Amino acid sequence: MIIVNLDVMMAKRKISSYELADKIGITQANLSILKTGKGKAIRFSTLEKICEVLDCKPGDILDYQKEEKK
Protein backbone atom coordinates (compact mmCIF):
# COMPACT_ATOMS: atom_id res chain seq x y z
CA MET A 1 0.00 0.00 0.00
CA ILE A 2 1.21 3.51 -0.77
CA ILE A 3 1.37 5.88 2.20
CA VAL A 4 1.08 9.60 1.49
CA ASN A 5 3.04 11.81 3.90
CA LEU A 6 2.14 15.09 2.23
CA ASP A 7 0.79 16.57 5.49
CA VAL A 8 4.13 15.91 7.21
CA MET A 9 6.14 17.66 4.50
CA MET A 10 3.68 20.56 4.38
CA ALA A 11 4.04 21.02 8.14
CA LYS A 12 7.85 20.94 7.86
CA ARG A 13 7.71 23.62 5.16
CA LYS A 14 5.02 25.59 7.03
CA ILE A 15 2.72 25.81 4.00
CA SER A 16 -1.08 25.67 4.06
CA SER A 17 -3.26 23.52 1.84
CA TYR A 18 -4.65 26.65 0.23
CA GLU A 19 -1.18 27.99 -0.58
CA LEU A 20 0.13 24.68 -1.93
CA ALA A 21 -2.96 24.08 -4.08
CA ASP A 22 -2.63 27.58 -5.50
CA LYS A 23 1.08 27.21 -6.25
CA ILE A 24 0.74 23.83 -7.99
CA GLY A 25 -2.46 24.72 -9.84
CA ILE A 26 -4.99 22.22 -8.45
CA THR A 27 -8.13 22.64 -6.39
CA GLN A 28 -8.08 22.31 -2.63
CA ALA A 29 -10.52 19.41 -3.00
CA ASN A 30 -8.07 17.50 -5.21
CA LEU A 31 -5.20 18.31 -2.87
CA SER A 32 -7.28 16.97 0.02
CA ILE A 33 -7.83 13.71 -1.89
CA LEU A 34 -4.05 13.40 -2.35
CA LYS A 35 -3.32 14.23 1.30
CA THR A 36 -5.73 11.63 2.64
CA GLY A 37 -4.39 8.91 0.35
CA LYS A 38 -7.79 8.43 -1.27
CA GLY A 39 -6.53 9.27 -4.75
CA LYS A 40 -6.05 6.44 -7.21
CA ALA A 41 -3.35 8.19 -9.26
CA ILE A 42 -1.21 11.29 -9.48
CA ARG A 43 0.18 12.88 -12.60
CA PHE A 44 3.94 13.08 -12.71
CA SER A 45 3.60 16.76 -13.60
CA THR A 46 1.60 17.36 -10.39
CA LEU A 47 4.09 15.36 -8.33
CA GLU A 48 6.91 17.38 -9.87
CA LYS A 49 5.21 20.67 -8.96
CA ILE A 50 4.60 19.50 -5.39
CA CYS A 51 8.26 18.53 -5.03
CA GLU A 52 9.37 21.84 -6.52
CA VAL A 53 7.21 23.92 -4.17
CA LEU A 54 8.05 21.84 -1.08
CA ASP A 55 11.71 21.45 -2.07
CA CYS A 56 11.60 17.69 -1.60
CA LYS A 57 11.84 14.39 -3.45
CA PRO A 58 8.92 12.05 -4.24
CA GLY A 59 10.20 9.65 -1.57
CA ASP A 60 9.76 12.38 1.03
CA ILE A 61 6.00 12.36 0.51
CA LEU A 62 5.31 8.84 -0.78
CA ASP A 63 6.13 5.62 1.04
CA TYR A 64 5.36 1.94 0.53
CA GLN A 65 4.14 -0.47 3.17
CA LYS A 66 3.54 -4.13 2.43
CA GLU A 67 -0.03 -5.16 3.21
CA GLU A 68 -0.53 -8.09 5.53
CA LYS A 69 -2.31 -11.05 3.96
CA LYS A 70 -5.54 -12.03 5.65
C-alpha atoms as a PDB file:
ATOM      1  CA  MET A   1       0.000   0.000   0.000  1.00  0.00           C
ATOM      2  CA  ILE A   2       1.214   3.507  -0.775  1.00  0.00           C
ATOM      3  CA  ILE A   3       1.372   5.878   2.200  1.00  0.00           C
ATOM      4  CA  VAL A   4       1.075   9.599   1.492  1.00  0.00           C
ATOM      5  CA  ASN A   5       3.043  11.810   3.896  1.00  0.00           C
ATOM      6  CA  LEU A   6       2.137  15.088   2.230  1.00  0.00           C
ATOM      7  CA  ASP A   7       0.795  16.573   5.493  1.00  0.00           C
ATOM      8  CA  VAL A   8       4.128  15.910   7.205  1.00  0.00           C
ATOM      9  CA  MET A   9       6.139  17.659   4.496  1.00  0.00           C
ATOM     10  CA  MET A  10       3.681  20.558   4.376  1.00  0.00           C
ATOM     11  CA  ALA A  11       4.043  21.016   8.143  1.00  0.00           C
ATOM     12  CA  LYS A  12       7.846  20.936   7.861  1.00  0.00           C
ATOM     13  CA  ARG A  13       7.711  23.620   5.164  1.00  0.00           C
ATOM     14  CA  LYS A  14       5.020  25.595   7.027  1.00  0.00           C
ATOM     15  CA  ILE A  15       2.720  25.815   3.996  1.00  0.00           C
ATOM     16  CA  SER A  16      -1.080  25.665   4.061  1.00  0.00           C
ATOM     17  CA  SER A  17      -3.256  23.517   1.839  1.00  0.00           C
ATOM     18  CA  TYR A  18      -4.651  26.647   0.229  1.00  0.00           C
ATOM     19  CA  GLU A  19      -1.183  27.993  -0.576  1.00  0.00           C
ATOM     20  CA  LEU A  20       0.129  24.676  -1.927  1.00  0.00           C
ATOM     21  CA  ALA A  21      -2.959  24.083  -4.076  1.00  0.00           C
ATOM     22  CA  ASP A  22      -2.633  27.583  -5.502  1.00  0.00           C
ATOM     23  CA  LYS A  23       1.084  27.211  -6.254  1.00  0.00           C
ATOM     24  CA  ILE A  24       0.736  23.829  -7.986  1.00  0.00           C
ATOM     25  CA  GLY A  25      -2.461  24.721  -9.841  1.00  0.00           C
ATOM     26  CA  ILE A  26      -4.986  22.217  -8.453  1.00  0.00           C
ATOM     27  CA  THR A  27      -8.125  22.643  -6.394  1.00  0.00           C
ATOM     28  CA  GLN A  28      -8.077  22.310  -2.626  1.00  0.00           C
ATOM     29  CA  ALA A  29     -10.518  19.412  -2.998  1.00  0.00           C
ATOM     30  CA  ASN A  30      -8.072  17.502  -5.214  1.00  0.00           C
ATOM     31  CA  LEU A  31      -5.198  18.307  -2.867  1.00  0.00           C
ATOM     32  CA  SER A  32      -7.281  16.967   0.025  1.00  0.00           C
ATOM     33  CA  ILE A  33      -7.826  13.713  -1.887  1.00  0.00           C
ATOM     34  CA  LEU A  34      -4.054  13.401  -2.350  1.00  0.00           C
ATOM     35  CA  LYS A  35      -3.320  14.229   1.300  1.00  0.00           C
ATOM     36  CA  THR A  36      -5.730  11.625   2.641  1.00  0.00           C
ATOM     37  CA  GLY A  37      -4.391   8.909   0.352  1.00  0.00           C
ATOM     38  CA  LYS A  38      -7.791   8.431  -1.266  1.00  0.00           C
ATOM     39  CA  GLY A  39      -6.525   9.266  -4.750  1.00  0.00           C
ATOM     40  CA  LYS A  40      -6.046   6.441  -7.211  1.00  0.00           C
ATOM     41  CA  ALA A  41      -3.348   8.187  -9.257  1.00  0.00           C
ATOM     42  CA  ILE A  42      -1.211  11.294  -9.483  1.00  0.00           C
ATOM     43  CA  ARG A  43       0.180  12.882 -12.601  1.00  0.00           C
ATOM     44  CA  PHE A  44       3.945  13.080 -12.712  1.00  0.00           C
ATOM     45  CA  SER A  45       3.600  16.765 -13.604  1.00  0.00           C
ATOM     46  CA  THR A  46       1.601  17.358 -10.393  1.00  0.00           C
ATOM     47  CA  LEU A  47       4.087  15.364  -8.332  1.00  0.00           C
ATOM     48  CA  GLU A  48       6.915  17.377  -9.873  1.00  0.00           C
ATOM     49  CA  LYS A  49       5.210  20.671  -8.965  1.00  0.00           C
ATOM     50  CA  ILE A  50       4.598  19.495  -5.392  1.00  0.00           C
ATOM     51  CA  CYS A  51       8.259  18.532  -5.029  1.00  0.00           C
ATOM     52  CA  GLU A  52       9.372  21.842  -6.525  1.00  0.00           C
ATOM     53  CA  VAL A  53       7.213  23.923  -4.173  1.00  0.00           C
ATOM     54  CA  LEU A  54       8.045  21.844  -1.075  1.00  0.00           C
ATOM     55  CA  ASP A  55      11.714  21.453  -2.068  1.00  0.00           C
ATOM     56  CA  CYS A  56      11.601  17.691  -1.597  1.00  0.00           C
ATOM     57  CA  LYS A  57      11.841  14.393  -3.447  1.00  0.00           C
ATOM     58  CA  PRO A  58       8.916  12.055  -4.241  1.00  0.00           C
ATOM     59  CA  GLY A  59      10.203   9.652  -1.573  1.00  0.00           C
ATOM     60  CA  ASP A  60       9.756  12.379   1.030  1.00  0.00           C
ATOM     61  CA  ILE A  61       5.995  12.360   0.506  1.00  0.00           C
ATOM     62  CA  LEU A  62       5.312   8.835  -0.779  1.00  0.00           C
ATOM     63  CA  ASP A  63       6.129   5.624   1.042  1.00  0.00           C
ATOM     64  CA  TYR A  64       5.361   1.939   0.532  1.00  0.00           C
ATOM     65  CA  GLN A  65       4.137  -0.465   3.168  1.00  0.00           C
ATOM     66  CA  LYS A  66       3.539  -4.128   2.429  1.00  0.00           C
ATOM     67  CA  GLU A  67      -0.032  -5.161   3.207  1.00  0.00           C
ATOM     68  CA  GLU A  68      -0.528  -8.086   5.528  1.00  0.00           C
ATOM     69  CA  LYS A  69      -2.310 -11.047   3.961  1.00  0.00           C
ATOM     70  CA  LYS A  70      -5.538 -12.029   5.652  1.00  0.00           C
END
